Amino acid sequence: MAFTAAYLTEIESLIALSKFQLICEVLTKLLDQYFLVIAAKYWVADKLWHSEMDN
């Protein structure tokens, strides 16, 4: 019985760890997309600024 309880505790800790890792991966991807959008906005703004200055 003690073996089963220890085994279940180990499985529960692995599940918790995998959920935490999944949340971290999702947050990382969201942040990557967020910064990619910001970089794209600044790039477009920079191109527009330089095209206005050239005219």
PDB file of N, CA and C in Angstrom:
ATOM      1  N   MET A   1       0.821  -1.194   0.000  1.00  0.00           N
ATOM      2  CA  MET A   1       0.000   0.000   0.000  1.00  0.00           C
ATOM      3  C   MET A   1       0.869   1.262   0.000  1.00  0.00           C
ATOM      4  N   ALA A   2       1.949   1.228   0.749  1.00  0.00           N
ATOM      5  CA  ALA A   2       2.839   2.393   0.799  1.00  0.00           C
ATOM      6  C   ALA A   2       3.501   2.616  -0.557  1.00  0.00           C
ATOM      7  N   PHE A   3       3.797   1.508  -1.227  1.00  0.00           N
ATOM      8  CA  PHE A   3       4.398   1.607  -2.554  1.00  0.00           C
ATOM      9  C   PHE A   3       3.446   2.314  -3.516  1.00  0.00           C
ATOM     10  N   THR A   4       2.163   1.964  -3.464  1.00  0.00           N
ATOM     11  CA  THR A   4       1.166   2.567  -4.349  1.00  0.00           C
ATOM     12  C   THR A   4       1.019   4.054  -4.055  1.00  0.00           C
ATOM     13  N   ALA A   5       1.007   4.431  -2.785  1.00  0.00           N
ATOM     14  CA  ALA A   5       0.878   5.843  -2.411  1.00  0.00           C
ATOM     15  C   ALA A   5       2.093   6.639  -2.887  1.00  0.00           C
ATOM     16  N   ALA A   6       3.277   6.066  -2.717  1.00  0.00           N
ATOM     17  CA  ALA A   6       4.483   6.752  -3.178  1.00  0.00           C
ATOM     18  C   ALA A   6       4.490   6.873  -4.695  1.00  0.00           C
ATOM     19  N   TYR A   7       4.035   5.826  -5.355  1.00  0.00           N
ATOM     20  CA  TYR A   7       3.970   5.823  -6.815  1.00  0.00           C
ATOM     21  C   TYR A   7       2.995   6.888  -7.309  1.00  0.00           C
ATOM     22  N   LEU A   8       1.821   6.964  -6.664  1.00  0.00           N
ATOM     23  CA  LEU A   8       0.828   7.976  -7.054  1.00  0.00           C
ATOM     24  C   LEU A   8       1.341   9.382  -6.784  1.00  0.00           C
ATOM     25  N   THR A   9       2.033   9.577  -5.681  1.00  0.00           N
ATOM     26  CA  THR A   9       2.609  10.879  -5.369  1.00  0.00           C
ATOM     27  C   THR A   9       3.622  11.275  -6.435  1.00  0.00           C
ATOM     28  N   GLU A  10       4.426  10.318  -6.861  1.00  0.00           N
ATOM     29  CA  GLU A  10       5.421  10.575  -7.914  1.00  0.00           C
ATOM     30  C   GLU A  10       4.729  10.953  -9.220  1.00  0.00           C
ATOM     31  N   ILE A  11       3.678  10.223  -9.570  1.00  0.00           N
ATOM     32  CA  ILE A  11       2.934  10.523 -10.805  1.00  0.00           C
ATOM     33  C   ILE A  11       2.302  11.910 -10.721  1.00  0.00           C
ATOM     34  N   GLU A  12       1.712  12.232  -9.561  1.00  0.00           N
ATOM     35  CA  GLU A  12       1.089  13.550  -9.391  1.00  0.00           C
ATOM     36  C   GLU A  12       2.119  14.666  -9.517  1.00  0.00           C
ATOM     37  N   SER A  13       3.318  14.461  -8.979  1.00  0.00           N
ATOM     38  CA  SER A  13       4.348  15.501  -9.084  1.00  0.00           C
ATOM     39  C   SER A  13       4.819  15.644 -10.531  1.00  0.00           C
ATOM     40  N   LEU A  14       4.897  14.534 -11.259  1.00  0.00           N
ATOM     41  CA  LEU A  14       5.276  14.609 -12.673  1.00  0.00           C
ATOM     42  C   LEU A  14       4.207  15.327 -13.498  1.00  0.00           C
ATOM     43  N   ILE A  15       2.936  15.051 -13.185  1.00  0.00           N
ATOM     44  CA  ILE A  15       1.846  15.730 -13.895  1.00  0.00           C
ATOM     45  C   ILE A  15       1.880  17.230 -13.599  1.00  0.00           C
ATOM     46  N   ALA A  16       2.096  17.590 -12.338  1.00  0.00           N
ATOM     47  CA  ALA A  16       2.169  19.003 -11.976  1.00  0.00           C
ATOM     48  C   ALA A  16       3.332  19.681 -12.695  1.00  0.00           C
ATOM     49  N   LEU A  17       4.469  18.991 -12.756  1.00  0.00           N
ATOM     50  CA  LEU A  17       5.633  19.545 -13.438  1.00  0.00           C
ATOM     51  C   LEU A  17       5.358  19.713 -14.924  1.00  0.00           C
ATOM     52  N   SER A  18       4.714  18.727 -15.541  1.00  0.00           N
ATOM     53  CA  SER A  18       4.440  18.829 -16.972  1.00  0.00           C
ATOM     54  C   SER A  18       3.430  19.935 -17.258  1.00  0.00           C
ATOM     55  N   LYS A  19       2.455  20.131 -16.365  1.00  0.00           N
ATOM     56  CA  LYS A  19       1.511  21.232 -16.531  1.00  0.00           C
ATOM     57  C   LYS A  19       2.239  22.566 -16.418  1.00  0.00           C
ATOM     58  N   PHE A  20       3.132  22.677 -15.449  1.00  0.00           N
ATOM     59  CA  PHE A  20       3.911  23.904 -15.277  1.00  0.00           C
ATOM     60  C   PHE A  20       4.757  24.181 -16.517  1.00  0.00           C
ATOM     61  N   GLN A  21       5.401  23.134 -17.045  1.00  0.00           N
ATOM     62  CA  GLN A  21       6.213  23.297 -18.245  1.00  0.00           C
ATOM     63  C   GLN A  21       5.358  23.702 -19.429  1.00  0.00           C
ATOM     64  N   LEU A  22       4.158  23.141 -19.536  1.00  0.00           N
ATOM     65  CA  LEU A  22       3.247  23.485 -20.626  1.00  0.00           C
ATOM     66  C   LEU A  22       2.826  24.946 -20.520  1.00  0.00           C
ATOM     67  N   ILE A  23       2.498  25.389 -19.306  1.00  0.00           N
ATOM     68  CA  ILE A  23       2.125  26.793 -19.108  1.00  0.00           C
ATOM     69  C   ILE A  23       3.286  27.706 -19.480  1.00  0.00           C
ATOM     70  N   CYS A  24       4.498  27.338 -19.082  1.00  0.00           N
ATOM     71  CA  CYS A  24       5.670  28.143 -19.422  1.00  0.00           C
ATOM     72  C   CYS A  24       5.882  28.201 -20.931  1.00  0.00           C
ATOM     73  N   GLU A  25       5.690  27.084 -21.614  1.00  0.00           N
ATOM     74  CA  GLU A  25       5.858  27.072 -23.070  1.00  0.00           C
ATOM     75  C   GLU A  25       4.822  27.959 -23.747  1.00  0.00           C
ATOM     76  N   VAL A  26       3.573  27.888 -23.289  1.00  0.00           N
ATOM     77  CA  VAL A  26       2.511  28.714 -23.870  1.00  0.00           C
ATOM     78  C   VAL A  26       2.814  30.191 -23.639  1.00  0.00           C
ATOM     79  N   LEU A  27       3.221  30.538 -22.425  1.00  0.00           N
ATOM     80  CA  LEU A  27       3.548  31.939 -22.133  1.00  0.00           C
ATOM     81  C   LEU A  27       4.726  32.415 -22.971  1.00  0.00           C
ATOM     82  N   THR A  28       5.706  31.566 -23.145  1.00  0.00           N
ATOM     83  CA  THR A  28       6.864  31.932 -23.964  1.00  0.00           C
ATOM     84  C   THR A  28       6.442  32.191 -25.405  1.00  0.00           C
ATOM     85  N   LYS A  29       5.581  31.331 -25.948  1.00  0.00           N
ATOM     86  CA  LYS A  29       5.127  31.522 -27.326  1.00  0.00           C
ATOM     87  C   LYS A  29       4.304  32.790 -27.462  1.00  0.00           C
ATOM     88  N   LEU A  30       3.462  33.072 -26.465  1.00  0.00           N
ATOM     89  CA  LEU A  30       2.662  34.297 -26.511  1.00  0.00           C
ATOM     90  C   LEU A  30       3.562  35.528 -26.453  1.00  0.00           C
ATOM     91  N   LEU A  31       4.567  35.491 -25.588  1.00  0.00           N
ATOM     92  CA  LEU A  31       5.494  36.619 -25.497  1.00  0.00           C
ATOM     93  C   LEU A  31       6.287  36.782 -26.788  1.00  0.00           C
ATOM     94  N   ASP A  32       6.705  35.667 -27.374  1.00  0.00           N
ATOM     95  CA  ASP A  32       7.423  35.739 -28.649  1.00  0.00           C
ATOM     96  C   ASP A  32       6.565  36.395 -29.711  1.00  0.00           C
ATOM     97  N   GLN A  33       5.282  36.012 -29.788  1.00  0.00           N
ATOM     98  CA  GLN A  33       4.388  36.610 -30.774  1.00  0.00           C
ATOM     99  C   GLN A  33       4.178  38.086 -30.484  1.00  0.00           C
ATOM    100  N   TYR A  34       4.032  38.434 -29.202  1.00  0.00           N
ATOM    101  CA  TYR A  34       3.831  39.822 -28.801  1.00  0.00           C
ATOM    102  C   TYR A  34       5.017  40.684 -29.233  1.00  0.00           C
ATOM    103  N   PHE A  35       6.226  40.222 -28.936  1.00  0.00           N
ATOM    104  CA  PHE A  35       7.405  40.997 -29.303  1.00  0.00           C
ATOM    105  C   PHE A  35       7.618  41.027 -30.809  1.00  0.00           C
ATOM    106  N   LEU A  36       7.216  39.955 -31.491  1.00  0.00           N
ATOM    107  CA  LEU A  36       7.303  39.935 -32.946  1.00  0.00           C
ATOM    108  C   LEU A  36       6.380  40.986 -33.544  1.00  0.00           C
ATOM    109  N   VAL A  37       5.180  41.116 -33.005  1.00  0.00           N
ATOM    110  CA  VAL A  37       4.227  42.131 -33.478  1.00  0.00           C
ATOM    111  C   VAL A  37       4.776  43.531 -33.211  1.00  0.00           C
ATOM    112  N   ILE A  38       5.334  43.741 -32.037  1.00  0.00           N
ATOM    113  CA  ILE A  38       5.911  45.054 -31.719  1.00  0.00           C
ATOM    114  C   ILE A  38       7.063  45.374 -32.673  1.00  0.00           C
ATOM    115  N   ALA A  39       7.918  44.399 -32.912  1.00  0.00           N
ATOM    116  CA  ALA A  39       9.045  44.612 -33.820  1.00  0.00           C
ATOM    117  C   ALA A  39       8.543  44.929 -35.220  1.00  0.00           C
ATOM    118  N   ALA A  40       7.501  44.240 -35.663  1.00  0.00           N
ATOM    119  CA  ALA A  40       6.947  44.494 -36.998  1.00  0.00           C
ATOM    120  C   ALA A  40       6.363  45.902 -37.069  1.00  0.00           C
ATOM    121  N   LYS A  41       5.674  46.329 -36.022  1.00  0.00           N
ATOM    122  CA  LYS A  41       5.099  47.681 -36.006  1.00  0.00           C
ATOM    123  C   LYS A  41       6.198  48.732 -36.096  1.00  0.00           C
ATOM    124  N   TYR A  42       7.264  48.561 -35.321  1.00  0.00           N
ATOM    125  CA  TYR A  42       8.362  49.519 -35.367  1.00  0.00           C
ATOM    126  C   TYR A  42       9.061  49.496 -36.723  1.00  0.00           C
ATOM    127  N   TRP A  43       9.194  48.319 -37.317  1.00  0.00           N
ATOM    128  CA  TRP A  43       9.828  48.211 -38.627  1.00  0.00           C
ATOM    129  C   TRP A  43       9.005  48.949 -39.668  1.00  0.00           C
ATOM    130  N   VAL A  44       7.673  48.749 -39.651  1.00  0.00           N
ATOM    131  CA  VAL A  44       6.795  49.436 -40.603  1.00  0.00           C
ATOM    132  C   VAL A  44       6.837  50.937 -40.361  1.00  0.00           C
ATOM    133  N   ALA A  45       6.783  51.343 -39.097  1.00  0.00           N
ATOM    134  CA  ALA A  45       6.834  52.771 -38.780  1.00  0.00           C
ATOM    135  C   ALA A  45       8.148  53.379 -39.254  1.00  0.00           C
ATOM    136  N   ASP A  46       9.236  52.652 -39.078  1.00  0.00           N
ATOM    137  CA  ASP A  46      10.541  53.137 -39.526  1.00  0.00           C
ATOM    138  C   ASP A  46      10.566  53.284 -41.052  1.00  0.00           C
ATOM    139  N   LYS A  47      10.018  52.303 -41.762  1.00  0.00           N
ATOM    140  CA  LYS A  47       9.980  52.371 -43.231  1.00  0.00           C
ATOM    141  C   LYS A  47       9.119  53.544 -43.685  1.00  0.00           C
ATOM    142  N   LEU A  48       7.975  53.736 -43.023  1.00  0.00           N
ATOM    143  CA  LEU A  48       7.107  54.857 -43.379  1.00  0.00           C
ATOM    144  C   LEU A  48       7.791  56.190 -43.090  1.00  0.00           C
ATOM    145  N   TRP A  49       8.485  56.277 -41.965  1.00  0.00           N
ATOM    146  CA  TRP A  49       9.188  57.495 -41.591  1.00  0.00           C
ATOM    147  C   TRP A  49      10.247  57.842 -42.641  1.00  0.00           C
ATOM    148  N   HIS A  50      11.023  56.835 -43.041  1.00  0.00           N
ATOM    149  CA  HIS A  50      12.073  57.090 -44.016  1.00  0.00           C
ATOM    150  C   HIS A  50      11.501  57.400 -45.393  1.00  0.00           C
ATOM    151  N   SER A  51      10.366  56.813 -45.749  1.00  0.00           N
ATOM    152  CA  SER A  51       9.772  57.132 -47.044  1.00  0.00           C
ATOM    153  C   SER A  51       9.202  58.549 -47.027  1.00  0.00           C
ATOM    154  N   GLU A  52       8.715  59.007 -45.886  1.00  0.00           N
ATOM    155  CA  GLU A  52       8.230  60.391 -45.774  1.00  0.00           C
ATOM    156  C   GLU A  52       9.403  61.367 -45.850  1.00  0.00           C
ATOM    157  N   MET A  53      10.512  61.001 -45.244  1.00  0.00           N
ATOM    158  CA  MET A  53      11.677  61.885 -45.252  1.00  0.00           C
ATOM    159  C   MET A  53      12.296  61.970 -46.650  1.00  0.00           C
ATOM    160  N   ASP A  54      12.176  60.892 -47.419  1.00  0.00           N
ATOM    161  CA  ASP A  54      12.734  60.888 -48.771  1.00  0.00           C
ATOM    162  C   ASP A  54      11.916  61.756 -49.722  1.00  0.00           C
ATOM    163  N   ASN A  55      10.635  61.922 -49.424  1.00  0.00           N
ATOM    164  CA  ASN A  55       9.769  62.713 -50.326  1.00  0.00           C
ATOM    165  C   ASN A  55       9.885  64.185 -50.092  1.00  0.00           C
TER     166      ASN A  55
END
